[in-house]
Amino acid sequence: MRGSYLFTSESVSEGHPDKVCDRISDEIVDLFYREGPKAGIDPWAIRAACETLATTNKVVIAGETRGPDTVTNDHIEAVVRNAIKDIGYEQEGFHWKTADIQILLHPQSADIAQGVDALQPGTNQEEGAGDQGIMFGYATNETAELMPAPLFYAHKILRLIAEARHAGTEKVLGPDSKSQVTVRYENGKPVGVREIVVSHQHLIEDMTSNQVRERVEPYVRKALPEGWIGKDTVWHINPTGKFFIGGPDGDSGLTGRKIIVDTYGGAAPHGGGAFSGKDPTKVDRSAAYAARYLAKNVVAAGLADRCTLQLAYAIGVARPLSIYVDTHGTGKVSEDKIETAVAKAFDLTPRGIRKHLDLNKPIYARTSAYGHFGRAPDKDGGFSWEKTDLTDALKSAV
């Protein structure tokens, strides 16, 4: 492992065009989970896979669903408009009231459903994985949340600004923004910030970069640990000089185009599949949550300082094809023992994941911005994969 180096990660706000699309897609997943039980549909039977495209005053939603007839296009459109309003878009080129919303949802393919719904040989009511693929989880003890520092603080900067904007404190800042943090490591530990980038939409057209910096710098300093910003830290605030046209009016957005922002900021691999817009039968999402849960518990249990965990699945097959653990030379026990321990402690079938993490709930829209990982578990079951309640079982198993 290198001792001294620089590493950079970026984040984007809820108003970034791609994140607008992630939010809309996840709002639809939540809608099906809210309305299904009201119509007497078992949450285990809900299916939703929604992709969203957004551009100037236009939103297009496509995908496959299974749920109650009460979820009509009018119902979906109302949810979409409320999401856009909540994000804060009331500009001429993208407004929650006037945007044209096209909904192209249809039933899930019978060919996919037969593999996901079917009983698996030798098991009791275990559905198969909704697709093939590889999923990664990661954890590191360089922050209290067991997340890579560059991404964690890039998220925190934008989250603090967004909270102030929603509270009415920052009325001149718009919903669209991006951040980037370059962290300096010494002896493998993060110790400071070399470069800070914040590009933030402003609602007064002639605002200068210096005026935007006056608004955002206090939040940057609040987000970062004391002493991390020094005289050698380089600031890049709205480096193009102007950021008035924001959101889907400035650049088109698509669901699932910010998967590195959603996960570990490049500090760990990503399997390739996006999360947003997918119900938890899709292991792209649920198994990535399970992999993070396991990796985090490995580190929280003191079995390693860093842990990368890979899972692999085949469509229609319940059991994972492989479990791989890499502790990057920081393990206190061997990786093969950890692999055996996680398989013993957690049922990694799609049904086992959904049951253990209680994923058949409307808990997904909140994940669509500022990262799916490194967040505090919610009382209603949101971010359940961030719990560290498996540490005793893992320590006992090794």
Protein backbone atom coordinates (compact mmCIF):
# COMPACT_ATOMS: atom_id res chain seq x y z
CA MET A 1 0.00 0.00 0.00
CA ARG A 2 1.18 3.51 -0.80
CA GLY A 3 1.73 5.67 2.25
CA SER A 4 1.55 9.21 0.88
CA TYR A 5 -0.63 10.18 -2.05
CA LEU A 6 -3.54 12.30 -3.26
CA PHE A 7 -7.00 10.88 -3.99
CA THR A 8 -10.02 12.69 -5.40
CA SER A 9 -13.75 11.97 -5.36
CA GLU A 10 -16.74 13.96 -6.59
CA SER A 11 -20.35 14.40 -5.56
CA VAL A 12 -23.36 15.96 -7.25
CA SER A 13 -26.46 17.46 -5.64
CA GLU A 14 -30.09 16.39 -5.82
CA GLY A 15 -30.60 19.04 -8.50
CA HIS A 16 -27.98 17.64 -10.87
CA PRO A 17 -29.80 16.42 -14.02
CA ASP A 18 -28.83 12.78 -13.46
CA LYS A 19 -29.85 12.96 -9.81
CA VAL A 20 -33.23 14.45 -10.75
CA CYS A 21 -33.75 11.31 -12.82
CA ASP A 22 -32.56 9.02 -10.01
CA ARG A 23 -34.99 10.73 -7.64
CA ILE A 24 -37.94 10.35 -10.03
CA SER A 25 -37.16 6.68 -10.67
CA ASP A 26 -36.92 5.93 -6.96
CA GLU A 27 -40.09 7.88 -6.18
CA ILE A 28 -41.91 5.49 -8.52
CA VAL A 29 -40.45 2.46 -6.74
CA ASP A 30 -41.59 3.94 -3.43
CA LEU A 31 -45.03 4.66 -4.88
CA PHE A 32 -45.56 0.99 -5.73
CA TYR A 33 -44.43 -0.08 -2.25
CA ARG A 34 -46.77 2.46 -0.62
CA GLU A 35 -49.82 1.64 -2.71
CA GLY A 36 -49.40 -2.13 -3.02
CA PRO A 37 -50.34 -3.04 0.56
CA LYS A 38 -53.34 -0.66 0.40
CA ALA A 39 -54.65 -2.72 -2.52
CA GLY A 40 -53.98 -6.01 -0.76
CA ILE A 41 -50.87 -6.89 -2.78
CA ASP A 42 -48.07 -8.69 -0.93
CA PRO A 43 -44.97 -6.43 -0.94
CA TRP A 44 -42.94 -9.48 -1.97
CA ALA A 45 -44.83 -9.45 -5.29
CA ILE A 46 -44.11 -5.79 -6.16
CA ARG A 47 -41.84 -5.22 -9.15
CA ALA A 48 -40.52 -1.92 -10.47
CA ALA A 49 -37.72 -1.03 -12.84
CA CYS A 50 -37.92 2.58 -13.97
CA GLU A 51 -35.56 4.62 -16.12
CA THR A 52 -35.94 8.38 -16.45
CA LEU A 53 -34.66 10.90 -18.98
CA ALA A 54 -34.94 14.62 -18.35
CA THR A 55 -34.18 17.58 -20.59
CA THR A 56 -35.57 21.07 -21.13
CA ASN A 57 -39.13 20.96 -19.73
CA LYS A 58 -39.42 17.26 -20.60
CA VAL A 59 -39.40 14.07 -18.51
CA VAL A 60 -39.65 10.60 -20.08
CA ILE A 61 -40.15 7.54 -17.88
CA ALA A 62 -39.84 3.99 -19.21
CA GLY A 63 -39.68 0.60 -17.58
CA GLU A 64 -41.43 -2.48 -16.26
CA THR A 65 -43.67 -2.77 -13.23
CA ARG A 66 -46.04 -5.08 -11.36
CA GLY A 67 -48.35 -3.62 -8.78
CA PRO A 68 -51.81 -2.27 -7.99
CA ASP A 69 -54.13 -0.81 -10.61
CA THR A 70 -54.49 2.21 -8.35
CA VAL A 71 -51.05 3.37 -9.54
CA THR A 72 -52.27 5.19 -12.64
CA ASN A 73 -50.32 7.48 -14.95
CA ASP A 74 -52.03 10.46 -13.31
CA HIS A 75 -50.85 9.22 -9.92
CA ILE A 76 -47.30 8.77 -11.22
CA GLU A 77 -47.31 12.20 -12.83
CA ALA A 78 -48.36 13.84 -9.57
CA VAL A 79 -45.52 12.09 -7.72
CA VAL A 80 -43.02 13.21 -10.37
CA ARG A 81 -44.13 16.84 -10.20
CA ASN A 82 -43.95 16.83 -6.40
CA ALA A 83 -40.40 15.45 -6.58
CA ILE A 84 -39.28 18.16 -9.00
CA LYS A 85 -40.93 20.78 -6.78
CA ASP A 86 -39.23 19.41 -3.67
CA ILE A 87 -35.84 19.53 -5.38
CA GLY A 88 -36.55 23.19 -6.12
CA TYR A 89 -37.01 23.59 -9.87
CA GLU A 90 -39.20 26.55 -10.78
CA GLN A 91 -37.16 27.97 -13.65
CA GLU A 92 -38.36 28.71 -17.17
CA GLY A 93 -36.55 25.78 -18.77
CA PHE A 94 -37.54 23.21 -16.12
CA HIS A 95 -40.54 23.82 -13.89
CA TRP A 96 -42.50 21.31 -11.83
CA LYS A 97 -45.79 22.78 -13.05
CA THR A 98 -45.10 23.01 -16.77
CA ALA A 99 -42.72 20.14 -17.60
CA ASP A 100 -44.15 17.68 -20.13
CA ILE A 101 -44.13 14.23 -18.50
CA GLN A 102 -44.32 11.13 -20.71
CA ILE A 103 -44.91 7.77 -18.96
CA LEU A 104 -44.03 4.57 -20.83
CA LEU A 105 -44.32 1.85 -18.18
CA HIS A 106 -45.49 -1.68 -18.98
CA PRO A 107 -45.70 -5.07 -17.19
CA GLN A 108 -42.53 -6.97 -16.34
CA SER A 109 -41.36 -9.45 -18.97
CA ALA A 110 -42.78 -12.93 -18.39
CA ASP A 111 -39.38 -14.40 -19.27
CA ILE A 112 -37.74 -12.49 -16.42
CA ALA A 113 -40.62 -13.07 -14.02
CA GLN A 114 -40.49 -16.84 -14.38
CA GLY A 115 -36.93 -16.93 -13.07
CA VAL A 116 -37.48 -14.41 -10.30
CA ASP A 117 -40.78 -15.84 -9.08
CA ALA A 118 -40.15 -19.55 -9.51
CA LEU A 119 -39.41 -21.85 -6.59
CA GLN A 120 -35.80 -22.92 -6.65
CA PRO A 121 -34.88 -26.63 -6.46
CA GLY A 122 -34.28 -27.76 -2.90
CA THR A 123 -35.37 -24.45 -1.38
CA ASN A 124 -38.51 -23.09 0.21
CA GLN A 125 -40.04 -20.17 -1.71
CA GLU A 126 -36.75 -18.62 -2.78
CA GLU A 127 -36.93 -16.48 -5.86
CA GLY A 128 -33.94 -16.28 -8.16
CA ALA A 129 -31.85 -13.19 -8.78
CA GLY A 130 -33.47 -10.64 -11.08
CA ASP A 131 -30.36 -10.50 -13.26
CA GLN A 132 -26.82 -11.73 -13.55
CA GLY A 133 -24.00 -9.49 -12.38
CA ILE A 134 -21.29 -8.68 -9.89
CA MET A 135 -21.72 -6.39 -6.90
CA PHE A 136 -19.13 -4.84 -4.60
CA GLY A 137 -19.22 -3.60 -1.02
CA TYR A 138 -16.48 -1.60 0.67
CA ALA A 139 -15.63 -0.16 4.06
CA THR A 140 -12.62 1.62 5.52
CA ASN A 141 -11.93 2.96 8.99
CA GLU A 142 -10.66 6.34 7.75
CA THR A 143 -13.97 7.98 8.78
CA ALA A 144 -16.37 7.24 11.63
CA GLU A 145 -18.95 6.20 9.04
CA LEU A 146 -16.44 3.69 7.62
CA MET A 147 -16.46 5.47 4.26
CA PRO A 148 -13.63 6.80 2.07
CA ALA A 149 -12.87 10.35 3.20
CA PRO A 150 -12.82 12.08 -0.23
CA LEU A 151 -16.34 10.98 -1.13
CA PHE A 152 -17.76 11.37 2.36
CA TYR A 153 -16.71 15.02 2.57
CA ALA A 154 -17.67 15.79 -1.05
CA HIS A 155 -21.19 14.58 -0.16
CA LYS A 156 -21.22 16.49 3.11
CA ILE A 157 -20.39 19.82 1.47
CA LEU A 158 -23.35 19.63 -0.90
CA ARG A 159 -25.70 18.21 1.71
CA LEU A 160 -25.04 21.13 4.06
CA ILE A 161 -25.64 23.66 1.29
CA ALA A 162 -28.84 21.87 0.24
CA GLU A 163 -30.14 21.87 3.81
CA ALA A 164 -29.54 25.63 4.01
CA ARG A 165 -31.22 26.16 0.63
CA HIS A 166 -34.31 24.18 1.68
CA ALA A 167 -34.43 26.11 4.95
CA GLY A 168 -34.53 29.38 2.99
CA THR A 169 -31.12 30.53 4.18
CA GLU A 170 -29.51 30.45 0.73
CA LYS A 171 -32.15 31.91 -1.56
CA VAL A 172 -29.67 32.92 -4.29
CA LEU A 173 -28.37 29.39 -4.83
CA GLY A 174 -30.11 26.97 -7.17
CA PRO A 175 -30.63 23.19 -6.89
CA ASP A 176 -27.85 22.11 -9.29
CA SER A 177 -24.31 21.74 -7.92
CA LYS A 178 -21.19 19.60 -7.96
CA SER A 179 -18.27 19.21 -5.57
CA GLN A 180 -14.88 17.55 -5.73
CA VAL A 181 -12.41 17.00 -2.93
CA THR A 182 -8.75 16.00 -3.28
CA VAL A 183 -7.55 14.51 0.00
CA ARG A 184 -3.90 14.24 1.02
CA TYR A 185 -2.90 10.95 2.65
CA GLU A 186 0.15 10.38 4.84
CA ASN A 187 1.06 6.91 6.08
CA GLY A 188 -2.19 5.70 4.53
CA LYS A 189 -4.37 8.09 6.57
CA PRO A 190 -6.26 11.18 5.35
CA VAL A 191 -4.78 14.34 6.86
CA GLY A 192 -5.84 17.31 4.74
CA VAL A 193 -7.33 18.70 1.56
CA ARG A 194 -5.18 19.81 -1.38
CA GLU A 195 -7.92 20.91 -3.81
CA ILE A 196 -11.58 21.90 -3.37
CA VAL A 197 -13.99 22.26 -6.28
CA VAL A 198 -17.55 23.53 -5.96
CA SER A 199 -19.66 24.47 -8.96
CA HIS A 200 -23.02 25.81 -7.80
CA GLN A 201 -25.99 27.13 -9.74
CA HIS A 202 -26.93 30.70 -8.83
CA LEU A 203 -30.35 32.29 -9.32
CA ILE A 204 -29.08 35.84 -9.86
CA GLU A 205 -27.62 35.83 -13.36
CA ASP A 206 -24.78 38.30 -12.88
CA MET A 207 -23.32 36.77 -9.71
CA THR A 208 -19.54 36.39 -9.87
CA SER A 209 -17.47 33.40 -8.81
CA ASN A 210 -16.24 35.37 -5.79
CA GLN A 211 -19.82 36.12 -4.75
CA VAL A 212 -20.72 32.43 -5.03
CA ARG A 213 -17.63 31.57 -3.00
CA GLU A 214 -18.80 33.89 -0.23
CA ARG A 215 -22.01 31.86 -0.07
CA VAL A 216 -20.55 28.33 -0.22
CA GLU A 217 -17.19 28.62 1.59
CA PRO A 218 -18.69 28.54 5.12
CA TYR A 219 -20.36 25.20 4.34
CA VAL A 220 -17.14 23.76 2.94
CA ARG A 221 -15.27 24.71 6.09
CA LYS A 222 -18.05 23.32 8.28
CA ALA A 223 -18.04 20.02 6.37
CA LEU A 224 -14.30 19.34 6.58
CA PRO A 225 -12.40 18.32 9.73
CA GLU A 226 -10.64 21.06 11.62
CA GLY A 227 -7.16 21.75 10.28
CA TRP A 228 -7.72 20.07 6.91
CA ILE A 229 -7.89 23.38 5.02
CA GLY A 230 -4.52 25.12 5.01
CA LYS A 231 -2.63 27.86 3.20
CA ASP A 232 -1.72 25.43 0.41
CA THR A 233 -5.32 24.38 -0.24
CA VAL A 234 -6.44 25.46 -3.71
CA TRP A 235 -10.04 26.56 -4.21
CA HIS A 236 -12.00 26.30 -7.47
CA ILE A 237 -15.44 27.88 -7.02
CA ASN A 238 -17.52 28.13 -10.22
CA PRO A 239 -14.31 28.01 -12.28
CA THR A 240 -16.14 28.69 -15.57
CA GLY A 241 -17.28 32.03 -14.11
CA LYS A 242 -21.04 31.52 -14.47
CA PHE A 243 -23.56 28.79 -13.62
CA PHE A 244 -27.01 30.31 -14.06
CA ILE A 245 -28.67 27.74 -16.34
CA GLY A 246 -28.86 24.56 -14.29
CA GLY A 247 -30.58 21.21 -14.08
CA PRO A 248 -32.08 19.39 -17.06
CA ASP A 249 -32.41 22.69 -18.93
CA GLY A 250 -28.62 23.03 -18.95
CA ASP A 251 -27.76 19.37 -19.54
CA SER A 252 -29.90 16.28 -20.07
CA GLY A 253 -30.12 13.73 -17.27
CA LEU A 254 -30.45 9.94 -17.11
CA THR A 255 -31.09 7.46 -14.33
CA GLY A 256 -28.03 5.53 -13.21
CA ARG A 257 -25.31 7.73 -14.67
CA LYS A 258 -23.69 8.61 -11.32
CA ILE A 259 -22.95 5.15 -9.94
CA ILE A 260 -19.48 6.04 -8.62
CA VAL A 261 -20.97 9.02 -6.77
CA ASP A 262 -23.59 6.63 -5.38
CA THR A 263 -21.02 4.17 -4.01
CA TYR A 264 -17.39 4.83 -3.00
CA GLY A 265 -16.10 7.64 -5.17
CA GLY A 266 -13.67 5.40 -7.02
CA ALA A 267 -11.95 4.15 -3.87
CA ALA A 268 -13.43 0.70 -4.52
CA PRO A 269 -14.77 -1.16 -7.57
CA HIS A 270 -18.35 -0.92 -8.77
CA GLY A 271 -20.06 -3.88 -10.42
CA GLY A 272 -21.58 -1.74 -13.16
CA GLY A 273 -25.27 -1.89 -12.34
CA ALA A 274 -27.12 1.22 -11.20
CA PHE A 275 -29.30 1.29 -8.07
CA SER A 276 -32.04 3.86 -8.57
CA GLY A 277 -35.36 2.83 -10.06
CA LYS A 278 -35.00 -0.84 -9.13
CA ASP A 279 -36.95 -2.87 -6.61
CA PRO A 280 -34.84 -5.17 -4.40
CA THR A 281 -35.37 -8.31 -6.50
CA LYS A 282 -32.75 -6.66 -8.71
CA VAL A 283 -29.48 -7.76 -7.12
CA ASP A 284 -27.74 -4.79 -8.75
CA ARG A 285 -29.27 -2.93 -5.85
CA SER A 286 -30.04 -5.32 -3.02
CA ALA A 287 -26.83 -7.37 -3.23
CA ALA A 288 -24.74 -4.20 -3.42
CA TYR A 289 -26.45 -3.12 -0.21
CA ALA A 290 -25.74 -6.54 1.31
CA ALA A 291 -22.09 -6.35 0.23
CA ARG A 292 -21.70 -2.93 1.88
CA TYR A 293 -23.44 -4.24 5.01
CA LEU A 294 -21.05 -7.16 5.26
CA ALA A 295 -17.91 -5.16 4.46
CA LYS A 296 -18.89 -2.52 7.02
CA ASN A 297 -19.50 -5.14 9.69
CA VAL A 298 -16.15 -6.78 8.94
CA VAL A 299 -14.38 -3.46 9.59
CA ALA A 300 -16.61 -2.55 12.54
CA ALA A 301 -15.82 -5.94 14.09
CA GLY A 302 -12.11 -5.14 13.94
CA LEU A 303 -11.37 -7.96 11.50
CA ALA A 304 -9.75 -5.51 9.05
CA ASP A 305 -9.10 -1.81 8.56
CA ARG A 306 -10.33 -1.99 4.95
CA CYS A 307 -12.54 -4.54 3.25
CA THR A 308 -13.74 -5.05 -0.30
CA LEU A 309 -16.36 -7.75 -0.77
CA GLN A 310 -17.61 -9.05 -4.13
CA LEU A 311 -20.77 -11.07 -4.79
CA ALA A 312 -21.81 -12.66 -8.10
CA TYR A 313 -25.24 -13.85 -9.26
CA ALA A 314 -26.94 -15.50 -12.23
CA ILE A 315 -30.45 -14.57 -13.34
CA GLY A 316 -33.04 -16.95 -11.91
CA VAL A 317 -30.53 -18.55 -9.51
CA ALA A 318 -30.95 -17.91 -5.80
CA ARG A 319 -27.54 -18.63 -4.32
CA PRO A 320 -24.58 -16.36 -5.07
CA LEU A 321 -22.08 -17.88 -7.46
CA SER A 322 -19.13 -16.57 -5.47
CA ILE A 323 -18.11 -14.55 -2.43
CA TYR A 324 -14.74 -12.80 -2.53
CA VAL A 325 -13.09 -10.76 0.23
CA ASP A 326 -9.98 -8.57 0.01
CA THR A 327 -8.73 -6.82 3.16
CA HIS A 328 -5.89 -5.06 1.33
CA GLY A 329 -3.24 -6.32 3.72
CA THR A 330 -5.06 -4.97 6.78
CA GLY A 331 -6.83 -8.16 7.87
CA LYS A 332 -6.49 -9.52 11.38
CA VAL A 333 -7.65 -12.94 10.12
CA SER A 334 -7.36 -14.53 6.68
CA GLU A 335 -9.74 -13.58 3.88
CA ASP A 336 -10.95 -17.14 3.41
CA LYS A 337 -12.09 -17.24 7.05
CA ILE A 338 -13.98 -13.98 6.55
CA GLU A 339 -15.60 -15.36 3.39
CA THR A 340 -16.79 -18.40 5.33
CA ALA A 341 -17.99 -16.22 8.21
CA VAL A 342 -20.08 -13.83 6.09
CA ALA A 343 -21.72 -16.74 4.25
CA LYS A 344 -22.63 -18.29 7.60
CA ALA A 345 -23.89 -15.06 9.16
CA PHE A 346 -26.08 -13.79 6.31
CA ASP A 347 -28.42 -15.58 3.87
CA LEU A 348 -27.26 -14.06 0.58
CA THR A 349 -30.16 -15.27 -1.55
CA PRO A 350 -32.33 -12.44 -2.92
CA ARG A 351 -35.08 -13.42 -0.48
CA GLY A 352 -32.61 -13.65 2.38
CA ILE A 353 -31.24 -10.17 1.63
CA ARG A 354 -34.69 -8.62 1.32
CA LYS A 355 -35.79 -10.22 4.58
CA HIS A 356 -32.67 -9.48 6.64
CA LEU A 357 -32.42 -5.84 5.51
CA ASP A 358 -36.22 -5.39 5.37
CA LEU A 359 -36.13 -3.94 1.86
CA ASN A 360 -39.79 -4.35 0.79
CA LYS A 361 -40.59 -0.78 1.86
CA PRO A 362 -40.87 2.71 0.36
CA ILE A 363 -37.37 3.71 1.48
CA TYR A 364 -35.63 4.44 -1.80
CA ALA A 365 -36.20 8.07 -2.85
CA ARG A 366 -34.06 9.25 0.07
CA THR A 367 -31.10 7.28 -1.28
CA SER A 368 -31.10 9.05 -4.63
CA ALA A 369 -28.74 11.89 -3.63
CA TYR A 370 -25.66 12.24 -1.39
CA GLY A 371 -24.78 8.56 -1.52
CA HIS A 372 -26.37 5.22 -0.74
CA PHE A 373 -23.69 4.48 1.85
CA GLY A 374 -22.26 6.22 4.90
CA ARG A 375 -25.71 7.35 6.04
CA ALA A 376 -27.31 6.81 9.44
CA PRO A 377 -30.00 4.07 9.56
CA ASP A 378 -33.52 5.49 9.75
CA LYS A 379 -36.13 4.43 12.30
CA ASP A 380 -38.49 3.32 9.53
CA GLY A 381 -35.91 0.95 8.05
CA GLY A 382 -34.18 3.21 5.59
CA PHE A 383 -30.44 2.60 5.17
CA SER A 384 -30.74 -0.64 7.12
CA TRP A 385 -27.57 -1.83 5.35
CA GLU A 386 -25.60 0.74 7.38
CA LYS A 387 -26.23 -1.08 10.68
CA THR A 388 -23.31 -2.79 12.42
CA ASP A 389 -25.38 -5.43 14.18
CA LEU A 390 -23.52 -8.39 12.68
CA THR A 391 -20.17 -7.79 14.37
CA ASP A 392 -20.60 -10.32 17.17
CA ALA A 393 -21.69 -13.04 14.75
CA LEU A 394 -18.70 -12.40 12.51
CA LYS A 395 -16.21 -12.39 15.37
CA SER A 396 -17.67 -15.64 16.66
CA ALA A 397 -17.49 -17.23 13.22
CA VAL A 398 -13.77 -16.56 12.71
